[in-house]
PDB file of N, CA and C in Angstrom:
ATOM      1  N   MET A   1     -10.002  -6.019  -2.640  1.00  0.00           N
ATOM      2  CA  MET A   1     -11.427  -6.196  -2.799  1.00  0.00           C
ATOM      3  C   MET A   1     -11.718  -7.475  -3.572  1.00  0.00           C
ATOM      4  N   ASP A   2     -10.900  -7.801  -4.548  1.00  0.00           N
ATOM      5  CA  ASP A   2     -11.158  -8.988  -5.349  1.00  0.00           C
ATOM      6  C   ASP A   2     -10.826 -10.264  -4.585  1.00  0.00           C
ATOM      7  N   MET A   3      -9.938 -10.149  -3.614  1.00  0.00           N
ATOM      8  CA  MET A   3      -9.503 -11.332  -2.885  1.00  0.00           C
ATOM      9  C   MET A   3      -9.438 -10.970  -1.403  1.00  0.00           C
ATOM     10  N   GLY A   4     -10.165 -11.684  -0.568  1.00  0.00           N
ATOM     11  CA  GLY A   4     -10.187 -11.391   0.859  1.00  0.00           C
ATOM     12  C   GLY A   4      -8.817 -11.569   1.497  1.00  0.00           C
ATOM     13  N   ASN A   5      -8.553 -10.811   2.554  1.00  0.00           N
ATOM     14  CA  ASN A   5      -7.294 -10.896   3.260  1.00  0.00           C
ATOM     15  C   ASN A   5      -7.547 -11.545   4.618  1.00  0.00           C
ATOM     16  N   PRO A   6      -7.015 -12.755   4.865  1.00  0.00           N
ATOM     17  CA  PRO A   6      -7.278 -13.440   6.130  1.00  0.00           C
ATOM     18  C   PRO A   6      -6.720 -12.705   7.342  1.00  0.00           C
ATOM     19  N   LEU A   7      -5.819 -11.769   7.148  1.00  0.00           N
ATOM     20  CA  LEU A   7      -5.276 -11.019   8.286  1.00  0.00           C
ATOM     21  C   LEU A   7      -6.342 -10.126   8.919  1.00  0.00           C
ATOM     22  N   TYR A   8      -7.427  -9.843   8.180  1.00  0.00           N
ATOM     23  CA  TYR A   8      -8.484  -8.994   8.714  1.00  0.00           C
ATOM     24  C   TYR A   8      -9.503  -9.763   9.544  1.00  0.00           C
ATOM     25  N   LEU A   9      -9.414 -11.084   9.599  1.00  0.00           N
ATOM     26  CA  LEU A   9     -10.434 -11.878  10.265  1.00  0.00           C
ATOM     27  C   LEU A   9     -10.550 -11.612  11.755  1.00  0.00           C
ATOM     28  N   ASN A  10      -9.450 -11.355  12.427  1.00  0.00           N
ATOM     29  CA  ASN A  10      -9.473 -11.169  13.876  1.00  0.00           C
ATOM     30  C   ASN A  10      -9.299  -9.717  14.280  1.00  0.00           C
ATOM     31  N   LYS A  11      -9.733  -8.802  13.440  1.00  0.00           N
ATOM     32  CA  LYS A  11      -9.595  -7.385  13.747  1.00  0.00           C
ATOM     33  C   LYS A  11     -10.969  -6.761  13.928  1.00  0.00           C
ATOM     34  N   THR A  12     -11.009  -5.723  14.740  1.00  0.00           N
ATOM     35  CA  THR A  12     -12.256  -4.989  14.912  1.00  0.00           C
ATOM     36  C   THR A  12     -12.443  -4.059  13.717  1.00  0.00           C
ATOM     37  N   PRO A  13     -13.667  -3.586  13.502  1.00  0.00           N
ATOM     38  CA  PRO A  13     -13.879  -2.640  12.393  1.00  0.00           C
ATOM     39  C   PRO A  13     -12.976  -1.414  12.478  1.00  0.00           C
ATOM     40  N   LYS A  14     -12.747  -0.879  13.682  1.00  0.00           N
ATOM     41  CA  LYS A  14     -11.855   0.275  13.827  1.00  0.00           C
ATOM     42  C   LYS A  14     -10.435  -0.067  13.375  1.00  0.00           C
ATOM     43  N   GLN A  15      -9.960  -1.256  13.717  1.00  0.00           N
ATOM     44  CA  GLN A  15      -8.623  -1.676  13.309  1.00  0.00           C
ATOM     45  C   GLN A  15      -8.535  -1.827  11.795  1.00  0.00           C
ATOM     46  N   ILE A  16      -9.570  -2.395  11.188  1.00  0.00           N
ATOM     47  CA  ILE A  16      -9.576  -2.561   9.731  1.00  0.00           C
ATOM     48  C   ILE A  16      -9.569  -1.202   9.058  1.00  0.00           C
ATOM     49  N   LEU A  17     -10.435  -0.287   9.527  1.00  0.00           N
ATOM     50  CA  LEU A  17     -10.480   1.058   8.954  1.00  0.00           C
ATOM     51  C   LEU A  17      -9.124   1.748   9.126  1.00  0.00           C
ATOM     52  N   GLY A  18      -8.509   1.574  10.295  1.00  0.00           N
ATOM     53  CA  GLY A  18      -7.189   2.163  10.540  1.00  0.00           C
ATOM     54  C   GLY A  18      -6.133   1.603   9.610  1.00  0.00           C
ATOM     55  N   ASN A  19      -6.185   0.307   9.336  1.00  0.00           N
ATOM     56  CA  ASN A  19      -5.230  -0.316   8.416  1.00  0.00           C
ATOM     57  C   ASN A  19      -5.402   0.191   6.995  1.00  0.00           C
ATOM     58  N   MET A  20      -6.622   0.630   6.650  1.00  0.00           N
ATOM     59  CA  MET A  20      -6.863   1.183   5.325  1.00  0.00           C
ATOM     60  C   MET A  20      -6.488   2.657   5.270  1.00  0.00           C
ATOM     61  N   GLY A  21      -6.029   3.198   6.398  1.00  0.00           N
ATOM     62  CA  GLY A  21      -5.624   4.600   6.425  1.00  0.00           C
ATOM     63  C   GLY A  21      -6.782   5.564   6.611  1.00  0.00           C
ATOM     64  N   ILE A  22      -7.906   5.065   7.076  1.00  0.00           N
ATOM     65  CA  ILE A  22      -9.088   5.903   7.248  1.00  0.00           C
ATOM     66  C   ILE A  22      -9.120   6.452   8.663  1.00  0.00           C
ATOM     67  N   LYS A  23      -9.215   7.750   8.758  1.00  0.00           N
ATOM     68  CA  LYS A  23      -9.362   8.390  10.069  1.00  0.00           C
ATOM     69  C   LYS A  23     -10.847   8.378  10.392  1.00  0.00           C
ATOM     70  N   VAL A  24     -11.204   7.669  11.448  1.00  0.00           N
ATOM     71  CA  VAL A  24     -12.615   7.550  11.792  1.00  0.00           C
ATOM     72  C   VAL A  24     -13.124   8.867  12.356  1.00  0.00           C
ATOM     73  N   GLU A  25     -14.413   9.087  12.178  1.00  0.00           N
ATOM     74  CA  GLU A  25     -15.068  10.301  12.646  1.00  0.00           C
ATOM     75  C   GLU A  25     -15.223  10.212  14.156  1.00  0.00           C
ATOM     76  N   ASN A  26     -14.476  11.008  14.881  1.00  0.00           N
ATOM     77  CA  ASN A  26     -14.508  10.934  16.341  1.00  0.00           C
ATOM     78  C   ASN A  26     -15.415  11.980  16.973  1.00  0.00           C
ATOM     79  N   THR A  27     -16.083  12.785  16.172  1.00  0.00           N
ATOM     80  CA  THR A  27     -16.958  13.802  16.739  1.00  0.00           C
ATOM     81  C   THR A  27     -18.303  13.208  17.158  1.00  0.00           C
ATOM     82  N   PHE A  28     -18.611  12.005  16.685  1.00  0.00           N
ATOM     83  CA  PHE A  28     -19.843  11.334  17.076  1.00  0.00           C
ATOM     84  C   PHE A  28     -19.516  10.269  18.102  1.00  0.00           C
ATOM     85  N   GLU A  29     -20.548   9.793  18.765  1.00  0.00           N
ATOM     86  CA  GLU A  29     -20.362   8.636  19.635  1.00  0.00           C
ATOM     87  C   GLU A  29     -20.311   7.410  18.740  1.00  0.00           C
ATOM     88  N   ILE A  30     -19.130   7.020  18.337  1.00  0.00           N
ATOM     89  CA  ILE A  30     -18.990   5.911  17.401  1.00  0.00           C
ATOM     90  C   ILE A  30     -18.652   4.650  18.178  1.00  0.00           C
ATOM     91  N   SER A  31     -19.452   3.655  17.957  1.00  0.00           N
ATOM     92  CA  SER A  31     -19.202   2.371  18.596  1.00  0.00           C
ATOM     93  C   SER A  31     -18.633   1.425  17.564  1.00  0.00           C
ATOM     94  N   GLU A  32     -18.196   0.283  18.026  1.00  0.00           N
ATOM     95  CA  GLU A  32     -17.716  -0.737  17.107  1.00  0.00           C
ATOM     96  C   GLU A  32     -18.825  -1.141  16.140  1.00  0.00           C
ATOM     97  N   THR A  33     -20.062  -1.169  16.622  1.00  0.00           N
ATOM     98  CA  THR A  33     -21.188  -1.538  15.771  1.00  0.00           C
ATOM     99  C   THR A  33     -21.375  -0.529  14.665  1.00  0.00           C
ATOM    100  N   TYR A  34     -21.269   0.751  14.986  1.00  0.00           N
ATOM    101  CA  TYR A  34     -21.415   1.807  13.982  1.00  0.00           C
ATOM    102  C   TYR A  34     -20.360   1.652  12.894  1.00  0.00           C
ATOM    103  N   ASP A  35     -19.118   1.460  13.290  1.00  0.00           N
ATOM    104  CA  ASP A  35     -18.045   1.276  12.315  1.00  0.00           C
ATOM    105  C   ASP A  35     -18.264   0.017  11.483  1.00  0.00           C
ATOM    106  N   GLU A  36     -18.830  -1.013  12.103  1.00  0.00           N
ATOM    107  CA  GLU A  36     -19.104  -2.250  11.374  1.00  0.00           C
ATOM    108  C   GLU A  36     -20.163  -2.007  10.293  1.00  0.00           C
ATOM    109  N   PHE A  37     -21.174  -1.206  10.610  1.00  0.00           N
ATOM    110  CA  PHE A  37     -22.193  -0.849   9.609  1.00  0.00           C
ATOM    111  C   PHE A  37     -21.572  -0.084   8.448  1.00  0.00           C
ATOM    112  N   ILE A  38     -20.704   0.865   8.762  1.00  0.00           N
ATOM    113  CA  ILE A  38     -20.053   1.653   7.709  1.00  0.00           C
ATOM    114  C   ILE A  38     -19.191   0.748   6.835  1.00  0.00           C
ATOM    115  N   LEU A  39     -18.437  -0.134   7.446  1.00  0.00           N
ATOM    116  CA  LEU A  39     -17.572  -1.049   6.704  1.00  0.00           C
ATOM    117  C   LEU A  39     -18.391  -1.943   5.778  1.00  0.00           C
ATOM    118  N   ALA A  40     -19.500  -2.466   6.274  1.00  0.00           N
ATOM    119  CA  ALA A  40     -20.370  -3.322   5.447  1.00  0.00           C
ATOM    120  C   ALA A  40     -20.977  -2.517   4.303  1.00  0.00           C
ATOM    121  N   TRP A  41     -21.388  -1.275   4.585  1.00  0.00           N
ATOM    122  CA  TRP A  41     -21.953  -0.410   3.552  1.00  0.00           C
ATOM    123  C   TRP A  41     -20.910  -0.107   2.474  1.00  0.00           C
ATOM    124  N   MET A  42     -19.688   0.196   2.892  1.00  0.00           N
ATOM    125  CA  MET A  42     -18.614   0.469   1.937  1.00  0.00           C
ATOM    126  C   MET A  42     -18.394  -0.735   1.019  1.00  0.00           C
ATOM    127  N   ALA A  43     -18.368  -1.922   1.599  1.00  0.00           N
ATOM    128  CA  ALA A  43     -18.179  -3.134   0.800  1.00  0.00           C
ATOM    129  C   ALA A  43     -19.321  -3.307  -0.191  1.00  0.00           C
ATOM    130  N   ASP A  44     -20.551  -3.043   0.264  1.00  0.00           N
ATOM    131  CA  ASP A  44     -21.703  -3.149  -0.638  1.00  0.00           C
ATOM    132  C   ASP A  44     -21.579  -2.178  -1.807  1.00  0.00           C
ATOM    133  N   VAL A  45     -21.164  -0.961  -1.522  1.00  0.00           N
ATOM    134  CA  VAL A  45     -21.033   0.053  -2.580  1.00  0.00           C
ATOM    135  C   VAL A  45     -19.969  -0.377  -3.590  1.00  0.00           C
ATOM    136  N   TYR A  46     -18.802  -0.775  -3.100  1.00  0.00           N
ATOM    137  CA  TYR A  46     -17.727  -1.196  -4.008  1.00  0.00           C
ATOM    138  C   TYR A  46     -18.159  -2.401  -4.860  1.00  0.00           C
ATOM    139  N   ILE A  47     -18.774  -3.377  -4.228  1.00  0.00           N
ATOM    140  CA  ILE A  47     -19.184  -4.586  -4.946  1.00  0.00           C
ATOM    141  C   ILE A  47     -20.265  -4.276  -5.970  1.00  0.00           C
ATOM    142  N   TYR A  48     -21.233  -3.451  -5.595  1.00  0.00           N
ATOM    143  CA  TYR A  48     -22.304  -3.102  -6.521  1.00  0.00           C
ATOM    144  C   TYR A  48     -21.749  -2.301  -7.695  1.00  0.00           C
ATOM    145  N   LEU A  49     -20.836  -1.375  -7.439  1.00  0.00           N
ATOM    146  CA  LEU A  49     -20.195  -0.624  -8.528  1.00  0.00           C
ATOM    147  C   LEU A  49     -19.497  -1.575  -9.495  1.00  0.00           C
ATOM    148  N   GLN A  50     -18.776  -2.522  -8.943  1.00  0.00           N
ATOM    149  CA  GLN A  50     -18.035  -3.473  -9.767  1.00  0.00           C
ATOM    150  C   GLN A  50     -18.983  -4.339 -10.592  1.00  0.00           C
ATOM    151  N   TRP A  51     -20.060  -4.802  -9.975  1.00  0.00           N
ATOM    152  CA  TRP A  51     -21.003  -5.686 -10.661  1.00  0.00           C
ATOM    153  C   TRP A  51     -21.857  -4.929 -11.680  1.00  0.00           C
ATOM    154  N   LYS A  52     -22.477  -3.847 -11.254  1.00  0.00           N
ATOM    155  CA  LYS A  52     -23.440  -3.132 -12.096  1.00  0.00           C
ATOM    156  C   LYS A  52     -22.773  -2.483 -13.312  1.00  0.00           C
ATOM    157  N   TYR A  53     -21.593  -1.900 -13.116  1.00  0.00           N
ATOM    158  CA  TYR A  53     -20.940  -1.154 -14.185  1.00  0.00           C
ATOM    159  C   TYR A  53     -19.762  -1.894 -14.795  1.00  0.00           C
ATOM    160  N   ASN A  54     -19.548  -3.141 -14.366  1.00  0.00           N
ATOM    161  CA  ASN A  54     -18.481  -3.978 -14.910  1.00  0.00           C
ATOM    162  C   ASN A  54     -17.131  -3.255 -14.876  1.00  0.00           C
ATOM    163  N   LEU A  55     -16.835  -2.672 -13.720  1.00  0.00           N
ATOM    164  CA  LEU A  55     -15.591  -1.917 -13.545  1.00  0.00           C
ATOM    165  C   LEU A  55     -14.573  -2.760 -12.793  1.00  0.00           C
ATOM    166  N   PRO A  56     -13.312  -2.688 -13.188  1.00  0.00           N
ATOM    167  CA  PRO A  56     -12.278  -3.386 -12.407  1.00  0.00           C
ATOM    168  C   PRO A  56     -12.112  -2.719 -11.039  1.00  0.00           C
ATOM    169  N   SER A  57     -11.838  -3.513 -10.035  1.00  0.00           N
ATOM    170  CA  SER A  57     -11.706  -2.969  -8.684  1.00  0.00           C
ATOM    171  C   SER A  57     -10.618  -1.908  -8.599  1.00  0.00           C
ATOM    172  N   GLU A  58      -9.535  -2.064  -9.369  1.00  0.00           N
ATOM    173  CA  GLU A  58      -8.454  -1.074  -9.325  1.00  0.00           C
ATOM    174  C   GLU A  58      -8.958   0.302  -9.750  1.00  0.00           C
ATOM    175  N   GLU A  59      -9.837   0.327 -10.745  1.00  0.00           N
ATOM    176  CA  GLU A  59     -10.381   1.603 -11.219  1.00  0.00           C
ATOM    177  C   GLU A  59     -11.286   2.232 -10.162  1.00  0.00           C
ATOM    178  N   ILE A  60     -12.106   1.400  -9.543  1.00  0.00           N
ATOM    179  CA  ILE A  60     -13.029   1.910  -8.525  1.00  0.00           C
ATOM    180  C   ILE A  60     -12.256   2.490  -7.349  1.00  0.00           C
ATOM    181  N   VAL A  61     -11.342   1.711  -6.798  1.00  0.00           N
ATOM    182  CA  VAL A  61     -10.584   2.157  -5.627  1.00  0.00           C
ATOM    183  C   VAL A  61      -9.674   3.339  -5.987  1.00  0.00           C
ATOM    184  N   GLY A  62      -9.202   3.381  -7.238  1.00  0.00           N
ATOM    185  CA  GLY A  62      -8.371   4.505  -7.668  1.00  0.00           C
ATOM    186  C   GLY A  62      -9.133   5.810  -7.731  1.00  0.00           C
ATOM    187  N   LYS A  63     -10.418   5.741  -8.042  1.00  0.00           N
ATOM    188  CA  LYS A  63     -11.224   6.966  -8.154  1.00  0.00           C
ATOM    189  C   LYS A  63     -12.013   7.275  -6.894  1.00  0.00           C
ATOM    190  N   VAL A  64     -12.466   6.238  -6.210  1.00  0.00           N
ATOM    191  CA  VAL A  64     -13.247   6.419  -4.984  1.00  0.00           C
ATOM    192  C   VAL A  64     -12.405   5.888  -3.831  1.00  0.00           C
ATOM    193  N   GLU A  65     -11.593   6.751  -3.272  1.00  0.00           N
ATOM    194  CA  GLU A  65     -10.704   6.317  -2.192  1.00  0.00           C
ATOM    195  C   GLU A  65     -11.514   5.915  -0.966  1.00  0.00           C
ATOM    196  N   GLN A  66     -10.964   4.998  -0.202  1.00  0.00           N
ATOM    197  CA  GLN A  66     -11.674   4.425   0.927  1.00  0.00           C
ATOM    198  C   GLN A  66     -12.086   5.486   1.946  1.00  0.00           C
ATOM    199  N   GLU A  67     -11.197   6.420   2.248  1.00  0.00           N
ATOM    200  CA  GLU A  67     -11.547   7.437   3.249  1.00  0.00           C
ATOM    201  C   GLU A  67     -12.647   8.357   2.727  1.00  0.00           C
ATOM    202  N   GLN A  68     -12.627   8.665   1.434  1.00  0.00           N
ATOM    203  CA  GLN A  68     -13.701   9.482   0.861  1.00  0.00           C
ATOM    204  C   GLN A  68     -15.044   8.777   0.995  1.00  0.00           C
ATOM    205  N   LEU A  69     -15.054   7.490   0.689  1.00  0.00           N
ATOM    206  CA  LEU A  69     -16.293   6.725   0.783  1.00  0.00           C
ATOM    207  C   LEU A  69     -16.763   6.650   2.231  1.00  0.00           C
ATOM    208  N   TYR A  70     -15.845   6.453   3.150  1.00  0.00           N
ATOM    209  CA  TYR A  70     -16.189   6.406   4.582  1.00  0.00           C
ATOM    210  C   TYR A  70     -16.928   7.675   4.989  1.00  0.00           C
ATOM    211  N   HIS A  71     -16.424   8.823   4.549  1.00  0.00           N
ATOM    212  CA  HIS A  71     -17.030  10.097   4.933  1.00  0.00           C
ATOM    213  C   HIS A  71     -18.303  10.416   4.150  1.00  0.00           C
ATOM    214  N   LYS A  72     -18.601   9.641   3.113  1.00  0.00           N
ATOM    215  CA  LYS A  72     -19.854   9.822   2.372  1.00  0.00           C
ATOM    216  C   LYS A  72     -20.962   8.929   2.927  1.00  0.00           C
ATOM    217  N   TYR A  73     -20.642   8.128   3.924  1.00  0.00           N
ATOM    218  CA  TYR A  73     -21.648   7.247   4.528  1.00  0.00           C
ATOM    219  C   TYR A  73     -22.895   8.035   4.911  1.00  0.00           C
ATOM    220  N   SER A  74     -22.665   9.145   5.571  1.00  0.00           N
ATOM    221  CA  SER A  74     -23.787  10.019   5.894  1.00  0.00           C
ATOM    222  C   SER A  74     -23.736  11.187   4.936  1.00  0.00           C
ATOM    223  N   PRO A  75     -24.682  11.373   4.100  1.00  0.00           N
ATOM    224  CA  PRO A  75     -26.056  10.920   4.072  1.00  0.00           C
ATOM    225  C   PRO A  75     -26.341   9.784   3.077  1.00  0.00           C
ATOM    226  N   LEU A  76     -25.336   9.317   2.309  1.00  0.00           N
ATOM    227  CA  LEU A  76     -25.629   8.370   1.227  1.00  0.00           C
ATOM    228  C   LEU A  76     -26.183   7.029   1.696  1.00  0.00           C
ATOM    229  N   HIS A  77     -25.916   6.645   2.953  1.00  0.00           N
ATOM    230  CA  HIS A  77     -26.424   5.347   3.409  1.00  0.00           C
ATOM    231  C   HIS A  77     -27.948   5.332   3.504  1.00  0.00           C
ATOM    232  N   GLU A  78     -28.561   6.507   3.505  1.00  0.00           N
ATOM    233  CA  GLU A  78     -30.016   6.566   3.588  1.00  0.00           C
ATOM    234  C   GLU A  78     -30.671   6.301   2.233  1.00  0.00           C
ATOM    235  N   ALA A  79     -29.913   6.408   1.163  1.00  0.00           N
ATOM    236  CA  ALA A  79     -30.433   6.108  -0.168  1.00  0.00           C
ATOM    237  C   ALA A  79     -30.379   4.592  -0.391  1.00  0.00           C
ATOM    238  N   SER A  80     -31.178   4.121  -1.330  1.00  0.00           N
ATOM    239  CA  SER A  80     -31.076   2.712  -1.694  1.00  0.00           C
ATOM    240  C   SER A  80     -29.691   2.482  -2.306  1.00  0.00           C
ATOM    241  N   LEU A  81     -29.234   1.261  -2.289  1.00  0.00           N
ATOM    242  CA  LEU A  81     -27.911   0.963  -2.836  1.00  0.00           C
ATOM    243  C   LEU A  81     -27.819   1.350  -4.316  1.00  0.00           C
ATOM    244  N   PRO A  82     -28.801   0.995  -5.157  1.00  0.00           N
ATOM    245  CA  PRO A  82     -28.709   1.417  -6.561  1.00  0.00           C
ATOM    246  C   PRO A  82     -28.661   2.941  -6.726  1.00  0.00           C
ATOM    247  N   ASN A  83     -29.460   3.658  -5.941  1.00  0.00           N
ATOM    248  CA  ASN A  83     -29.478   5.116  -6.016  1.00  0.00           C
ATOM    249  C   ASN A  83     -28.151   5.698  -5.528  1.00  0.00           C
ATOM    250  N   CYS A  84     -27.626   5.150  -4.448  1.00  0.00           N
ATOM    251  CA  CYS A  84     -26.339   5.600  -3.913  1.00  0.00           C
ATOM    252  C   CYS A  84     -25.234   5.408  -4.947  1.00  0.00           C
ATOM    253  N   VAL A  85     -25.197   4.237  -5.549  1.00  0.00           N
ATOM    254  CA  VAL A  85     -24.150   3.941  -6.531  1.00  0.00           C
ATOM    255  C   VAL A  85     -24.289   4.825  -7.762  1.00  0.00           C
ATOM    256  N   GLU A  86     -25.517   5.104  -8.169  1.00  0.00           N
ATOM    257  CA  GLU A  86     -25.732   6.003  -9.302  1.00  0.00           C
ATOM    258  C   GLU A  86     -25.170   7.396  -8.997  1.00  0.00           C
ATOM    259  N   LYS A  87     -25.374   7.860  -7.771  1.00  0.00           N
ATOM    260  CA  LYS A  87     -24.813   9.155  -7.355  1.00  0.00           C
ATOM    261  C   LYS A  87     -23.287   9.105  -7.356  1.00  0.00           C
ATOM    262  N   MET A  88     -22.720   7.987  -6.887  1.00  0.00           N
ATOM    263  CA  MET A  88     -21.263   7.846  -6.854  1.00  0.00           C
ATOM    264  C   MET A  88     -20.692   7.877  -8.284  1.00  0.00           C
ATOM    265  N   VAL A  89     -21.381   7.252  -9.228  1.00  0.00           N
ATOM    266  CA  VAL A  89     -20.933   7.236 -10.613  1.00  0.00           C
ATOM    267  C   VAL A  89     -20.880   8.675 -11.156  1.00  0.00           C
ATOM    268  N   LYS A  90     -21.895   9.468 -10.808  1.00  0.00           N
ATOM    269  CA  LYS A  90     -21.927  10.857 -11.261  1.00  0.00           C
ATOM    270  C   LYS A  90     -20.846  11.700 -10.575  1.00  0.00           C
ATOM    271  N   ILE A  91     -20.709  11.533  -9.273  1.00  0.00           N
ATOM    272  CA  ILE A  91     -19.733  12.312  -8.511  1.00  0.00           C
ATOM    273  C   ILE A  91     -18.310  12.031  -8.989  1.00  0.00           C
ATOM    274  N   TYR A  92     -17.981  10.753  -9.154  1.00  0.00           N
ATOM    275  CA  TYR A  92     -16.606  10.355  -9.479  1.00  0.00           C
ATOM    276  C   TYR A  92     -16.379  10.052 -10.955  1.00  0.00           C
ATOM    277  N   GLN A  93     -17.376  10.290 -11.776  1.00  0.00           N
ATOM    278  CA  GLN A  93     -17.282  10.082 -13.222  1.00  0.00           C
ATOM    279  C   GLN A  93     -16.727   8.698 -13.566  1.00  0.00           C
ATOM    280  N   LEU A  94     -17.382   7.698 -13.030  1.00  0.00           N
ATOM    281  CA  LEU A  94     -16.956   6.314 -13.289  1.00  0.00           C
ATOM    282  C   LEU A  94     -17.546   5.800 -14.584  1.00  0.00           C
TER     283      LEU A  94
END
């Protein structure tokens, strides 16, 4: 998270999620666009947590695993980013 990985530049969102060990939700009609939205939302949540609460990325990723965050997309993506992150802080005791 602190340093981008150039190996991800030519991968689809599904491939990136797969490389992170995330099993994508296959019960919905998931398109590449849908996964791209989830990936962007996950990045926003991690970055906002790091910025707002001055937390090291290792601590965030250690407590909020990527697959857990992926599966929290619905319903948390409907909240504002600050509200979503506040809920994440409470849930994961960050």
